[in-house]
Amino acid sequence: MSKQSRRQFMSTAAKTAAVTGIATLTGGVATAKETPKVFIHHVYFWLNNPDSQEDKDKLIAGLRKLAVTAKTIQQHHIGLPSTTNRDVVDRSYAVSWMLFFKNKAEQDILSDRSCTLKLH
């Protein structure tokens, strides 16, 4: 093995990294897997007492509990209205709940249970 100067070593390392990076990028495109299809159900909630933080907290706690107990829910996201103030943005709801299922049949299992959350 010949002795390299630091400059030669850095040059060789940079070229190797560049070639490896390009090979990885092109290989990644060729072997990219298709994103699995999911069924998304998005629910918006309006509260009878929209200014009640206690009611909102109870709703969110109930949604989290349901998300854990309902086996067909793959993922979920609880959201609040955006602070963006534009005409195209609806901020009238209190909480949104986005649910991810494997397919519609999995979502229908949850719907058939007549899930009802009562705050009072």
PDB file of N, CA and C in Angstrom:
ATOM      1  N   MET A   1       0.838  -1.175   0.000  1.00  0.00           N
ATOM      2  CA  MET A   1       0.000   0.000   0.000  1.00  0.00           C
ATOM      3  C   MET A   1       0.884   1.240   0.000  1.00  0.00           C
ATOM      4  N   SER A   2       0.672   2.128  -0.926  1.00  0.00           N
ATOM      5  CA  SER A   2       1.504   3.318  -1.025  1.00  0.00           C
ATOM      6  C   SER A   2       1.024   4.385  -0.051  1.00  0.00           C
ATOM      7  N   LYS A   3       1.940   5.205   0.354  1.00  0.00           N
ATOM      8  CA  LYS A   3       1.619   6.278   1.272  1.00  0.00           C
ATOM      9  C   LYS A   3       1.020   7.437   0.488  1.00  0.00           C
ATOM     10  N   GLN A   4      -0.132   7.939   0.960  1.00  0.00           N
ATOM     11  CA  GLN A   4      -0.803   9.061   0.293  1.00  0.00           C
ATOM     12  C   GLN A   4      -0.668  10.311   1.142  1.00  0.00           C
ATOM     13  N   SER A   5      -0.628  11.421   0.436  1.00  0.00           N
ATOM     14  CA  SER A   5      -0.660  12.678   1.178  1.00  0.00           C
ATOM     15  C   SER A   5      -2.099  12.908   1.651  1.00  0.00           C
ATOM     16  N   ARG A   6      -2.263  13.785   2.591  1.00  0.00           N
ATOM     17  CA  ARG A   6      -3.614  14.093   3.089  1.00  0.00           C
ATOM     18  C   ARG A   6      -4.486  14.595   1.951  1.00  0.00           C
ATOM     19  N   ARG A   7      -3.925  15.418   1.082  1.00  0.00           N
ATOM     20  CA  ARG A   7      -4.675  15.967  -0.050  1.00  0.00           C
ATOM     21  C   ARG A   7      -5.137  14.845  -0.983  1.00  0.00           C
ATOM     22  N   GLN A   8      -4.261  13.877  -1.276  1.00  0.00           N
ATOM     23  CA  GLN A   8      -4.629  12.759  -2.146  1.00  0.00           C
ATOM     24  C   GLN A   8      -5.728  11.906  -1.487  1.00  0.00           C
ATOM     25  N   PHE A   9      -5.573  11.674  -0.176  1.00  0.00           N
ATOM     26  CA  PHE A   9      -6.572  10.887   0.538  1.00  0.00           C
ATOM     27  C   PHE A   9      -7.937  11.565   0.481  1.00  0.00           C
ATOM     28  N   MET A  10      -7.987  12.865   0.743  1.00  0.00           N
ATOM     29  CA  MET A  10      -9.254  13.603   0.741  1.00  0.00           C
ATOM     30  C   MET A  10      -9.877  13.597  -0.659  1.00  0.00           C
ATOM     31  N   SER A  11      -9.056  13.732  -1.677  1.00  0.00           N
ATOM     32  CA  SER A  11      -9.546  13.719  -3.051  1.00  0.00           C
ATOM     33  C   SER A  11     -10.154  12.360  -3.396  1.00  0.00           C
ATOM     34  N   THR A  12      -9.465  11.292  -3.046  1.00  0.00           N
ATOM     35  CA  THR A  12      -9.958   9.940  -3.312  1.00  0.00           C
ATOM     36  C   THR A  12     -11.253   9.677  -2.531  1.00  0.00           C
ATOM     37  N   ALA A  13     -11.285  10.097  -1.261  1.00  0.00           N
ATOM     38  CA  ALA A  13     -12.465   9.886  -0.425  1.00  0.00           C
ATOM     39  C   ALA A  13     -13.670  10.640  -0.989  1.00  0.00           C
ATOM     40  N   ALA A  14     -13.441  11.853  -1.448  1.00  0.00           N
ATOM     41  CA  ALA A  14     -14.539  12.661  -2.003  1.00  0.00           C
ATOM     42  C   ALA A  14     -15.090  12.037  -3.279  1.00  0.00           C
ATOM     43  N   LYS A  15     -14.190  11.550  -4.138  1.00  0.00           N
ATOM     44  CA  LYS A  15     -14.636  10.909  -5.377  1.00  0.00           C
ATOM     45  C   LYS A  15     -15.420   9.636  -5.078  1.00  0.00           C
ATOM     46  N   THR A  16     -14.936   8.858  -4.122  1.00  0.00           N
ATOM     47  CA  THR A  16     -15.622   7.627  -3.744  1.00  0.00           C
ATOM     48  C   THR A  16     -17.004   7.939  -3.176  1.00  0.00           C
ATOM     49  N   ALA A  17     -17.080   8.939  -2.321  1.00  0.00           N
ATOM     50  CA  ALA A  17     -18.367   9.322  -1.727  1.00  0.00           C
ATOM     51  C   ALA A  17     -19.340   9.799  -2.804  1.00  0.00           C
ATOM     52  N   ALA A  18     -18.830  10.564  -3.770  1.00  0.00           N
ATOM     53  CA  ALA A  18     -19.689  11.069  -4.841  1.00  0.00           C
ATOM     54  C   ALA A  18     -20.228   9.929  -5.688  1.00  0.00           C
ATOM     55  N   VAL A  19     -19.377   9.005  -6.067  1.00  0.00           N
ATOM     56  CA  VAL A  19     -19.804   7.870  -6.883  1.00  0.00           C
ATOM     57  C   VAL A  19     -20.789   7.000  -6.106  1.00  0.00           C
ATOM     58  N   THR A  20     -20.501   6.734  -4.831  1.00  0.00           N
ATOM     59  CA  THR A  20     -21.395   5.927  -3.997  1.00  0.00           C
ATOM     60  C   THR A  20     -22.740   6.618  -3.839  1.00  0.00           C
ATOM     61  N   GLY A  21     -22.727   7.918  -3.625  1.00  0.00           N
ATOM     62  CA  GLY A  21     -23.967   8.675  -3.476  1.00  0.00           C
ATOM     63  C   GLY A  21     -24.808   8.636  -4.731  1.00  0.00           C
ATOM     64  N   ILE A  22     -24.187   8.796  -5.889  1.00  0.00           N
ATOM     65  CA  ILE A  22     -24.913   8.744  -7.166  1.00  0.00           C
ATOM     66  C   ILE A  22     -25.464   7.351  -7.394  1.00  0.00           C
ATOM     67  N   ALA A  23     -24.677   6.326  -7.088  1.00  0.00           N
ATOM     68  CA  ALA A  23     -25.145   4.950  -7.260  1.00  0.00           C
ATOM     69  C   ALA A  23     -26.324   4.672  -6.334  1.00  0.00           C
ATOM     70  N   THR A  24     -26.261   5.200  -5.120  1.00  0.00           N
ATOM     71  CA  THR A  24     -27.358   4.996  -4.173  1.00  0.00           C
ATOM     72  C   THR A  24     -28.614   5.700  -4.667  1.00  0.00           C
ATOM     73  N   LEU A  25     -28.464   6.919  -5.159  1.00  0.00           N
ATOM     74  CA  LEU A  25     -29.633   7.658  -5.653  1.00  0.00           C
ATOM     75  C   LEU A  25     -30.279   6.957  -6.843  1.00  0.00           C
ATOM     76  N   THR A  26     -29.488   6.557  -7.806  1.00  0.00           N
ATOM     77  CA  THR A  26     -30.063   5.891  -8.973  1.00  0.00           C
ATOM     78  C   THR A  26     -30.617   4.538  -8.604  1.00  0.00           C
ATOM     79  N   GLY A  27     -29.920   3.829  -7.706  1.00  0.00           N
ATOM     80  CA  GLY A  27     -30.429   2.538  -7.255  1.00  0.00           C
ATOM     81  C   GLY A  27     -31.725   2.700  -6.479  1.00  0.00           C
ATOM     82  N   GLY A  28     -31.821   3.780  -5.685  1.00  0.00           N
ATOM     83  CA  GLY A  28     -33.024   4.029  -4.899  1.00  0.00           C
ATOM     84  C   GLY A  28     -34.235   4.272  -5.772  1.00  0.00           C
ATOM     85  N   VAL A  29     -34.052   4.980  -6.876  1.00  0.00           N
ATOM     86  CA  VAL A  29     -35.162   5.255  -7.778  1.00  0.00           C
ATOM     87  C   VAL A  29     -35.627   3.966  -8.449  1.00  0.00           C
ATOM     88  N   ALA A  30     -34.690   3.132  -8.835  1.00  0.00           N
ATOM     89  CA  ALA A  30     -35.037   1.897  -9.540  1.00  0.00           C
ATOM     90  C   ALA A  30     -35.722   0.891  -8.622  1.00  0.00           C
ATOM     91  N   THR A  31     -35.382   0.917  -7.336  1.00  0.00           N
ATOM     92  CA  THR A  31     -35.943  -0.075  -6.420  1.00  0.00           C
ATOM     93  C   THR A  31     -36.988   0.512  -5.477  1.00  0.00           C
ATOM     94  N   ALA A  32     -37.470   1.718  -5.755  1.00  0.00           N
ATOM     95  CA  ALA A  32     -38.453   2.338  -4.871  1.00  0.00           C
ATOM     96  C   ALA A  32     -39.712   1.492  -4.794  1.00  0.00           C
ATOM     97  N   LYS A  33     -40.174   1.280  -3.565  1.00  0.00           N
ATOM     98  CA  LYS A  33     -41.380   0.495  -3.354  1.00  0.00           C
ATOM     99  C   LYS A  33     -42.601   1.396  -3.453  1.00  0.00           C
ATOM    100  N   GLU A  34     -43.672   0.823  -3.922  1.00  0.00           N
ATOM    101  CA  GLU A  34     -44.916   1.574  -4.003  1.00  0.00           C
ATOM    102  C   GLU A  34     -45.450   1.794  -2.596  1.00  0.00           C
ATOM    103  N   THR A  35     -45.948   2.997  -2.341  1.00  0.00           N
ATOM    104  CA  THR A  35     -46.531   3.304  -1.047  1.00  0.00           C
ATOM    105  C   THR A  35     -47.793   2.482  -0.861  1.00  0.00           C
ATOM    106  N   PRO A  36     -47.914   1.805   0.284  1.00  0.00           N
ATOM    107  CA  PRO A  36     -49.123   0.999   0.485  1.00  0.00           C
ATOM    108  C   PRO A  36     -50.360   1.883   0.543  1.00  0.00           C
ATOM    109  N   LYS A  37     -51.455   1.385   0.002  1.00  0.00           N
ATOM    110  CA  LYS A  37     -52.692   2.149  -0.001  1.00  0.00           C
ATOM    111  C   LYS A  37     -53.355   2.032   1.361  1.00  0.00           C
ATOM    112  N   VAL A  38     -53.912   3.136   1.809  1.00  0.00           N
ATOM    113  CA  VAL A  38     -54.621   3.163   3.076  1.00  0.00           C
ATOM    114  C   VAL A  38     -55.968   3.852   2.873  1.00  0.00           C
ATOM    115  N   PHE A  39     -56.865   3.618   3.803  1.00  0.00           N
ATOM    116  CA  PHE A  39     -58.167   4.274   3.789  1.00  0.00           C
ATOM    117  C   PHE A  39     -58.124   5.328   4.892  1.00  0.00           C
ATOM    118  N   ILE A  40     -58.370   6.582   4.536  1.00  0.00           N
ATOM    119  CA  ILE A  40     -58.316   7.685   5.491  1.00  0.00           C
ATOM    120  C   ILE A  40     -59.730   8.184   5.758  1.00  0.00           C
ATOM    121  N   HIS A  41     -60.039   8.354   7.028  1.00  0.00           N
ATOM    122  CA  HIS A  41     -61.335   8.892   7.451  1.00  0.00           C
ATOM    123  C   HIS A  41     -61.037  10.105   8.317  1.00  0.00           C
ATOM    124  N   HIS A  42     -61.548  11.267   7.931  1.00  0.00           N
ATOM    125  CA  HIS A  42     -61.262  12.505   8.660  1.00  0.00           C
ATOM    126  C   HIS A  42     -62.565  13.031   9.246  1.00  0.00           C
ATOM    127  N   VAL A  43     -62.566  13.253  10.559  1.00  0.00           N
ATOM    128  CA  VAL A  43     -63.767  13.688  11.272  1.00  0.00           C
ATOM    129  C   VAL A  43     -63.511  15.058  11.888  1.00  0.00           C
ATOM    130  N   TYR A  44     -64.499  15.945  11.800  1.00  0.00           N
ATOM    131  CA  TYR A  44     -64.420  17.262  12.425  1.00  0.00           C
ATOM    132  C   TYR A  44     -65.464  17.342  13.522  1.00  0.00           C
ATOM    133  N   PHE A  45     -65.094  17.909  14.676  1.00  0.00           N
ATOM    134  CA  PHE A  45     -65.991  18.015  15.820  1.00  0.00           C
ATOM    135  C   PHE A  45     -66.246  19.479  16.150  1.00  0.00           C
ATOM    136  N   TRP A  46     -67.519  19.811  16.334  1.00  0.00           N
ATOM    137  CA  TRP A  46     -67.942  21.107  16.821  1.00  0.00           C
ATOM    138  C   TRP A  46     -68.560  20.861  18.192  1.00  0.00           C
ATOM    139  N   LEU A  47     -68.171  21.614  19.180  1.00  0.00           N
ATOM    140  CA  LEU A  47     -68.655  21.421  20.546  1.00  0.00           C
ATOM    141  C   LEU A  47     -69.844  22.323  20.846  1.00  0.00           C
ATOM    142  N   ASN A  48     -70.730  21.847  21.723  1.00  0.00           N
ATOM    143  CA  ASN A  48     -71.855  22.686  22.159  1.00  0.00           C
ATOM    144  C   ASN A  48     -71.357  23.905  22.912  1.00  0.00           C
ATOM    145  N   ASN A  49     -70.278  23.744  23.657  1.00  0.00           N
ATOM    146  CA  ASN A  49     -69.639  24.853  24.375  1.00  0.00           C
ATOM    147  C   ASN A  49     -68.254  25.074  23.774  1.00  0.00           C
ATOM    148  N   PRO A  50     -68.174  25.762  22.649  1.00  0.00           N
ATOM    149  CA  PRO A  50     -66.891  25.870  21.941  1.00  0.00           C
ATOM    150  C   PRO A  50     -65.778  26.554  22.733  1.00  0.00           C
ATOM    151  N   ASP A  51     -66.129  27.347  23.737  1.00  0.00           N
ATOM    152  CA  ASP A  51     -65.107  28.044  24.518  1.00  0.00           C
ATOM    153  C   ASP A  51     -64.630  27.234  25.725  1.00  0.00           C
ATOM    154  N   SER A  52     -65.198  26.048  25.932  1.00  0.00           N
ATOM    155  CA  SER A  52     -64.857  25.235  27.096  1.00  0.00           C
ATOM    156  C   SER A  52     -63.617  24.381  26.820  1.00  0.00           C
ATOM    157  N   GLN A  53     -62.529  24.730  27.455  1.00  0.00           N
ATOM    158  CA  GLN A  53     -61.299  23.942  27.331  1.00  0.00           C
ATOM    159  C   GLN A  53     -61.488  22.568  27.968  1.00  0.00           C
ATOM    160  N   GLU A  54     -62.297  22.506  29.021  1.00  0.00           N
ATOM    161  CA  GLU A  54     -62.565  21.228  29.691  1.00  0.00           C
ATOM    162  C   GLU A  54     -63.266  20.260  28.737  1.00  0.00           C
ATOM    163  N   ASP A  55     -64.262  20.746  27.993  1.00  0.00           N
ATOM    164  CA  ASP A  55     -64.961  19.894  27.029  1.00  0.00           C
ATOM    165  C   ASP A  55     -64.011  19.421  25.929  1.00  0.00           C
ATOM    166  N   LYS A  56     -63.165  20.333  25.454  1.00  0.00           N
ATOM    167  CA  LYS A  56     -62.205  19.975  24.408  1.00  0.00           C
ATOM    168  C   LYS A  56     -61.227  18.917  24.914  1.00  0.00           C
ATOM    169  N   ASP A  57     -60.754  19.083  26.142  1.00  0.00           N
ATOM    170  CA  ASP A  57     -59.820  18.114  26.731  1.00  0.00           C
ATOM    171  C   ASP A  57     -60.471  16.739  26.892  1.00  0.00           C
ATOM    172  N   LYS A  58     -61.745  16.714  27.303  1.00  0.00           N
ATOM    173  CA  LYS A  58     -62.463  15.447  27.448  1.00  0.00           C
ATOM    174  C   LYS A  58     -62.630  14.757  26.098  1.00  0.00           C
ATOM    175  N   LEU A  59     -62.947  15.530  25.072  1.00  0.00           N
ATOM    176  CA  LEU A  59     -63.090  14.972  23.732  1.00  0.00           C
ATOM    177  C   LEU A  59     -61.777  14.355  23.267  1.00  0.00           C
ATOM    178  N   ILE A  60     -60.696  15.092  23.409  1.00  0.00           N
ATOM    179  CA  ILE A  60     -59.386  14.605  22.974  1.00  0.00           C
ATOM    180  C   ILE A  60     -58.992  13.352  23.751  1.00  0.00           C
ATOM    181  N   ALA A  61     -59.251  13.333  25.054  1.00  0.00           N
ATOM    182  CA  ALA A  61     -58.936  12.140  25.865  1.00  0.00           C
ATOM    183  C   ALA A  61     -59.754  10.943  25.376  1.00  0.00           C
ATOM    184  N   GLY A  62     -61.028  11.174  25.047  1.00  0.00           N
ATOM    185  CA  GLY A  62     -61.872  10.093  24.538  1.00  0.00           C
ATOM    186  C   GLY A  62     -61.399   9.575  23.193  1.00  0.00           C
ATOM    187  N   LEU A  63     -60.965  10.469  22.318  1.00  0.00           N
ATOM    188  CA  LEU A  63     -60.460  10.057  21.003  1.00  0.00           C
ATOM    189  C   LEU A  63     -59.179   9.237  21.150  1.00  0.00           C
ATOM    190  N   ARG A  64     -58.309   9.671  22.043  1.00  0.00           N
ATOM    191  CA  ARG A  64     -57.061   8.914  22.275  1.00  0.00           C
ATOM    192  C   ARG A  64     -57.365   7.522  22.813  1.00  0.00           C
ATOM    193  N   LYS A  65     -58.319   7.442  23.725  1.00  0.00           N
ATOM    194  CA  LYS A  65     -58.693   6.147  24.303  1.00  0.00           C
ATOM    195  C   LYS A  65     -59.280   5.236  23.229  1.00  0.00           C
ATOM    196  N   LEU A  66     -60.156   5.780  22.402  1.00  0.00           N
ATOM    197  CA  LEU A  66     -60.763   4.996  21.329  1.00  0.00           C
ATOM    198  C   LEU A  66     -59.713   4.535  20.325  1.00  0.00           C
ATOM    199  N   ALA A  67     -58.753   5.403  20.016  1.00  0.00           N
ATOM    200  CA  ALA A  67     -57.698   5.043  19.058  1.00  0.00           C
ATOM    201  C   ALA A  67     -56.859   3.868  19.551  1.00  0.00           C
ATOM    202  N   VAL A  68     -56.694   3.762  20.867  1.00  0.00           N
ATOM    203  CA  VAL A  68     -55.912   2.667  21.437  1.00  0.00           C
ATOM    204  C   VAL A  68     -56.732   1.378  21.485  1.00  0.00           C
ATOM    205  N   THR A  69     -58.015   1.490  21.799  1.00  0.00           N
ATOM    206  CA  THR A  69     -58.841   0.297  21.974  1.00  0.00           C
ATOM    207  C   THR A  69     -59.372  -0.271  20.668  1.00  0.00           C
ATOM    208  N   ALA A  70     -59.549   0.560  19.648  1.00  0.00           N
ATOM    209  CA  ALA A  70     -60.064   0.092  18.359  1.00  0.00           C
ATOM    210  C   ALA A  70     -58.913  -0.515  17.563  1.00  0.00           C
ATOM    211  N   LYS A  71     -58.931  -1.816  17.413  1.00  0.00           N
ATOM    212  CA  LYS A  71     -57.816  -2.544  16.794  1.00  0.00           C
ATOM    213  C   LYS A  71     -57.651  -2.263  15.306  1.00  0.00           C
ATOM    214  N   THR A  72     -58.682  -1.766  14.639  1.00  0.00           N
ATOM    215  CA  THR A  72     -58.582  -1.552  13.198  1.00  0.00           C
ATOM    216  C   THR A  72     -57.917  -0.221  12.834  1.00  0.00           C
ATOM    217  N   ILE A  73     -57.754   0.670  13.802  1.00  0.00           N
ATOM    218  CA  ILE A  73     -57.097   1.952  13.533  1.00  0.00           C
ATOM    219  C   ILE A  73     -55.593   1.724  13.472  1.00  0.00           C
ATOM    220  N   GLN A  74     -55.006   1.988  12.298  1.00  0.00           N
ATOM    221  CA  GLN A  74     -53.568   1.816  12.114  1.00  0.00           C
ATOM    222  C   GLN A  74     -52.786   2.987  12.713  1.00  0.00           C
ATOM    223  N   GLN A  75     -53.270   4.194  12.446  1.00  0.00           N
ATOM    224  CA  GLN A  75     -52.664   5.423  12.956  1.00  0.00           C
ATOM    225  C   GLN A  75     -53.778   6.442  13.111  1.00  0.00           C
ATOM    226  N   HIS A  76     -53.505   7.465  13.895  1.00  0.00           N
ATOM    227  CA  HIS A  76     -54.462   8.563  14.006  1.00  0.00           C
ATOM    228  C   HIS A  76     -53.711   9.862  14.280  1.00  0.00           C
ATOM    229  N   HIS A  77     -54.388  10.961  14.006  1.00  0.00           N
ATOM    230  CA  HIS A  77     -53.833  12.282  14.297  1.00  0.00           C
ATOM    231  C   HIS A  77     -54.965  13.172  14.788  1.00  0.00           C
ATOM    232  N   ILE A  78     -54.759  13.796  15.923  1.00  0.00           N
ATOM    233  CA  ILE A  78     -55.727  14.741  16.473  1.00  0.00           C
ATOM    234  C   ILE A  78     -55.205  16.135  16.178  1.00  0.00           C
ATOM    235  N   GLY A  79     -56.050  16.956  15.575  1.00  0.00           N
ATOM    236  CA  GLY A  79     -55.627  18.294  15.197  1.00  0.00           C
ATOM    237  C   GLY A  79     -56.546  19.369  15.726  1.00  0.00           C
ATOM    238  N   LEU A  80     -56.014  20.570  15.789  1.00  0.00           N
ATOM    239  CA  LEU A  80     -56.772  21.747  16.197  1.00  0.00           C
ATOM    240  C   LEU A  80     -56.795  22.730  15.035  1.00  0.00           C
ATOM    241  N   PRO A  81     -57.746  23.643  15.008  1.00  0.00           N
ATOM    242  CA  PRO A  81     -57.812  24.595  13.898  1.00  0.00           C
ATOM    243  C   PRO A  81     -56.519  25.402  13.765  1.00  0.00           C
ATOM    244  N   SER A  82     -56.204  25.709  12.542  1.00  0.00           N
ATOM    245  CA  SER A  82     -55.014  26.497  12.243  1.00  0.00           C
ATOM    246  C   SER A  82     -55.186  27.920  12.761  1.00  0.00           C
ATOM    247  N   THR A  83     -54.078  28.548  13.064  1.00  0.00           N
ATOM    248  CA  THR A  83     -54.134  29.956  13.446  1.00  0.00           C
ATOM    249  C   THR A  83     -54.087  30.861  12.220  1.00  0.00           C
ATOM    250  N   THR A  84     -53.972  30.248  11.042  1.00  0.00           N
ATOM    251  CA  THR A  84     -53.974  31.006   9.791  1.00  0.00           C
ATOM    252  C   THR A  84     -55.328  31.671   9.609  1.00  0.00           C
ATOM    253  N   ASN A  85     -55.320  32.944   9.292  1.00  0.00           N
ATOM    254  CA  ASN A  85     -56.569  33.670   9.142  1.00  0.00           C
ATOM    255  C   ASN A  85     -56.747  34.095   7.683  1.00  0.00           C
ATOM    256  N   ARG A  86     -57.278  33.154   6.880  1.00  0.00           N
ATOM    257  CA  ARG A  86     -57.553  33.437   5.474  1.00  0.00           C
ATOM    258  C   ARG A  86     -58.970  32.970   5.163  1.00  0.00           C
ATOM    259  N   ASP A  87     -59.562  33.530   4.128  1.00  0.00           N
ATOM    260  CA  ASP A  87     -60.944  33.198   3.780  1.00  0.00           C
ATOM    261  C   ASP A  87     -61.136  31.721   3.445  1.00  0.00           C
ATOM    262  N   VAL A  88     -60.128  31.061   2.921  1.00  0.00           N
ATOM    263  CA  VAL A  88     -60.265  29.662   2.491  1.00  0.00           C
ATOM    264  C   VAL A  88     -60.070  28.660   3.628  1.00  0.00           C
ATOM    265  N   VAL A  89     -59.695  29.125   4.812  1.00  0.00           N
ATOM    266  CA  VAL A  89     -59.432  28.240   5.943  1.00  0.00           C
ATOM    267  C   VAL A  89     -60.631  28.251   6.884  1.00  0.00           C
ATOM    268  N   ASP A  90     -61.202  27.055   7.117  1.00  0.00           N
ATOM    269  CA  ASP A  90     -62.318  26.913   8.056  1.00  0.00           C
ATOM    270  C   ASP A  90     -61.752  26.627   9.439  1.00  0.00           C
ATOM    271  N   ARG A  91     -61.963  27.553  10.344  1.00  0.00           N
ATOM    272  CA  ARG A  91     -61.481  27.378  11.715  1.00  0.00           C
ATOM    273  C   ARG A  91     -62.635  27.252  12.696  1.00  0.00           C
ATOM    274  N   SER A  92     -63.808  26.911  12.216  1.00  0.00           N
ATOM    275  CA  SER A  92     -64.986  26.879  13.076  1.00  0.00           C
ATOM    276  C   SER A  92     -65.081  25.615  13.932  1.00  0.00           C
ATOM    277  N   TYR A  93     -64.373  24.558  13.577  1.00  0.00           N
ATOM    278  CA  TYR A  93     -64.448  23.313  14.346  1.00  0.00           C
ATOM    279  C   TYR A  93     -63.539  23.400  15.580  1.00  0.00           C
ATOM    280  N   ALA A  94     -63.764  22.508  16.541  1.00  0.00           N
ATOM    281  CA  ALA A  94     -62.952  22.501  17.764  1.00  0.00           C
ATOM    282  C   ALA A  94     -61.772  21.547  17.652  1.00  0.00           C
ATOM    283  N   VAL A  95     -62.031  20.342  17.099  1.00  0.00           N
ATOM    284  CA  VAL A  95     -61.012  19.289  17.023  1.00  0.00           C
ATOM    285  C   VAL A  95     -61.236  18.507  15.740  1.00  0.00           C
ATOM    286  N   SER A  96     -60.162  18.071  15.112  1.00  0.00           N
ATOM    287  CA  SER A  96     -60.285  17.151  13.977  1.00  0.00           C
ATOM    288  C   SER A  96     -59.556  15.864  14.342  1.00  0.00           C
ATOM    289  N   TRP A  97     -60.009  14.780  13.729  1.00  0.00           N
ATOM    290  CA  TRP A  97     -59.423  13.470  14.017  1.00  0.00           C
ATOM    291  C   TRP A  97     -59.256  12.733  12.704  1.00  0.00           C
ATOM    292  N   MET A  98     -58.023  12.504  12.307  1.00  0.00           N
ATOM    293  CA  MET A  98     -57.745  11.801  11.060  1.00  0.00           C
ATOM    294  C   MET A  98     -57.319  10.379  11.405  1.00  0.00           C
ATOM    295  N   LEU A  99     -58.042   9.415  10.810  1.00  0.00           N
ATOM    296  CA  LEU A  99     -57.816   8.000  11.092  1.00  0.00           C
ATOM    297  C   LEU A  99     -57.307   7.289   9.852  1.00  0.00           C
ATOM    298  N   PHE A 100     -56.379   6.375  10.031  1.00  0.00           N
ATOM    299  CA  PHE A 100     -55.814   5.587   8.944  1.00  0.00           C
ATOM    300  C   PHE A 100     -56.160   4.116   9.159  1.00  0.00           C
ATOM    301  N   PHE A 101     -56.778   3.501   8.140  1.00  0.00           N
ATOM    302  CA  PHE A 101     -57.166   2.096   8.178  1.00  0.00           C
ATOM    303  C   PHE A 101     -56.515   1.369   7.003  1.00  0.00           C
ATOM    304  N   LYS A 102     -56.461   0.048   7.081  1.00  0.00           N
ATOM    305  CA  LYS A 102     -55.946  -0.742   5.964  1.00  0.00           C
ATOM    306  C   LYS A 102     -56.844  -0.608   4.745  1.00  0.00           C
ATOM    307  N   ASN A 103     -58.160  -0.569   4.979  1.00  0.00           N
ATOM    308  CA  ASN A 103     -59.128  -0.493   3.888  1.00  0.00           C
ATOM    309  C   ASN A 103     -60.474  -0.044   4.452  1.00  0.00           C
ATOM    310  N   LYS A 104     -61.455   0.127   3.576  1.00  0.00           N
ATOM    311  CA  LYS A 104     -62.775   0.591   4.003  1.00  0.00           C
ATOM    312  C   LYS A 104     -63.448  -0.411   4.932  1.00  0.00           C
ATOM    313  N   ALA A 105     -63.261  -1.693   4.686  1.00  0.00           N
ATOM    314  CA  ALA A 105     -63.874  -2.716   5.537  1.00  0.00           C
ATOM    315  C   ALA A 105     -63.405  -2.572   6.984  1.00  0.00           C
ATOM    316  N   GLU A 106     -62.122  -2.252   7.180  1.00  0.00           N
ATOM    317  CA  GLU A 106     -61.594  -2.049   8.536  1.00  0.00           C
ATOM    318  C   GLU A 106     -62.240  -0.825   9.188  1.00  0.00           C
ATOM    319  N   GLN A 107     -62.468   0.212   8.408  1.00  0.00           N
ATOM    320  CA  GLN A 107     -63.133   1.410   8.934  1.00  0.00           C
ATOM    321  C   GLN A 107     -64.582   1.102   9.263  1.00  0.00           C
ATOM    322  N   ASP A 108     -65.238   0.298   8.433  1.00  0.00           N
ATOM    323  CA  ASP A 108     -66.637  -0.041   8.655  1.00  0.00           C
ATOM    324  C   ASP A 108     -66.828  -0.816   9.954  1.00  0.00           C
ATOM    325  N   ILE A 109     -65.840  -1.605  10.342  1.00  0.00           N
ATOM    326  CA  ILE A 109     -65.926  -2.331  11.614  1.00  0.00           C
ATOM    327  C   ILE A 109     -66.070  -1.343  12.765  1.00  0.00           C
ATOM    328  N   LEU A 110     -65.293  -0.271  12.727  1.00  0.00           N
ATOM    329  CA  LEU A 110     -65.371   0.746  13.769  1.00  0.00           C
ATOM    330  C   LEU A 110     -66.705   1.486  13.698  1.00  0.00           C
ATOM    331  N   SER A 111     -67.158   1.824  12.504  1.00  0.00           N
ATOM    332  CA  SER A 111     -68.427   2.540  12.339  1.00  0.00           C
ATOM    333  C   SER A 111     -69.604   1.703  12.816  1.00  0.00           C
ATOM    334  N   ASP A 112     -69.555   0.402  12.571  1.00  0.00           N
ATOM    335  CA  ASP A 112     -70.653  -0.482  12.958  1.00  0.00           C
ATOM    336  C   ASP A 112     -70.810  -0.588  14.469  1.00  0.00           C
ATOM    337  N   ARG A 113     -69.787  -0.248  15.204  1.00  0.00           N
ATOM    338  CA  ARG A 113     -69.873  -0.302  16.668  1.00  0.00           C
ATOM    339  C   ARG A 113     -70.616   0.895  17.233  1.00  0.00           C
ATOM    340  N   SER A 114     -71.029   1.820  16.363  1.00  0.00           N
ATOM    341  CA  SER A 114     -71.751   3.029  16.779  1.00  0.00           C
ATOM    342  C   SER A 114     -71.012   3.759  17.895  1.00  0.00           C
ATOM    343  N   CYS A 115     -69.787   4.132  17.608  1.00  0.00           N
ATOM    344  CA  CYS A 115     -68.963   4.807  18.588  1.00  0.00           C
ATOM    345  C   CYS A 115     -69.561   6.181  18.906  1.00  0.00           C
ATOM    346  N   THR A 116     -69.890   6.393  20.153  1.00  0.00           N
ATOM    347  CA  THR A 116     -70.433   7.658  20.577  1.00  0.00           C
ATOM    348  C   THR A 116     -69.651   8.125  21.795  1.00  0.00           C
ATOM    349  N   LEU A 117     -69.172   9.334  21.737  1.00  0.00           N
ATOM    350  CA  LEU A 117     -68.463   9.922  22.870  1.00  0.00           C
ATOM    351  C   LEU A 117     -69.366  10.983  23.491  1.00  0.00           C
ATOM    352  N   LYS A 118     -69.600  10.875  24.772  1.00  0.00           N
ATOM    353  CA  LYS A 118     -70.413  11.866  25.478  1.00  0.00           C
ATOM    354  C   LYS A 118     -69.514  12.625  26.443  1.00  0.00           C
ATOM    355  N   LEU A 119     -69.647  13.921  26.402  1.00  0.00           N
ATOM    356  CA  LEU A 119     -68.813  14.744  27.266  1.00  0.00           C
ATOM    357  C   LEU A 119     -69.438  14.936  28.653  1.00  0.00           C
ATOM    358  N   HIS A 120     -70.741  14.811  28.749  1.00  0.00           N
ATOM    359  CA  HIS A 120     -71.400  15.050  30.033  1.00  0.00           C
ATOM    360  C   HIS A 120     -72.070  13.804  30.532  1.00  0.00           C
TER     361      HIS A 120
END
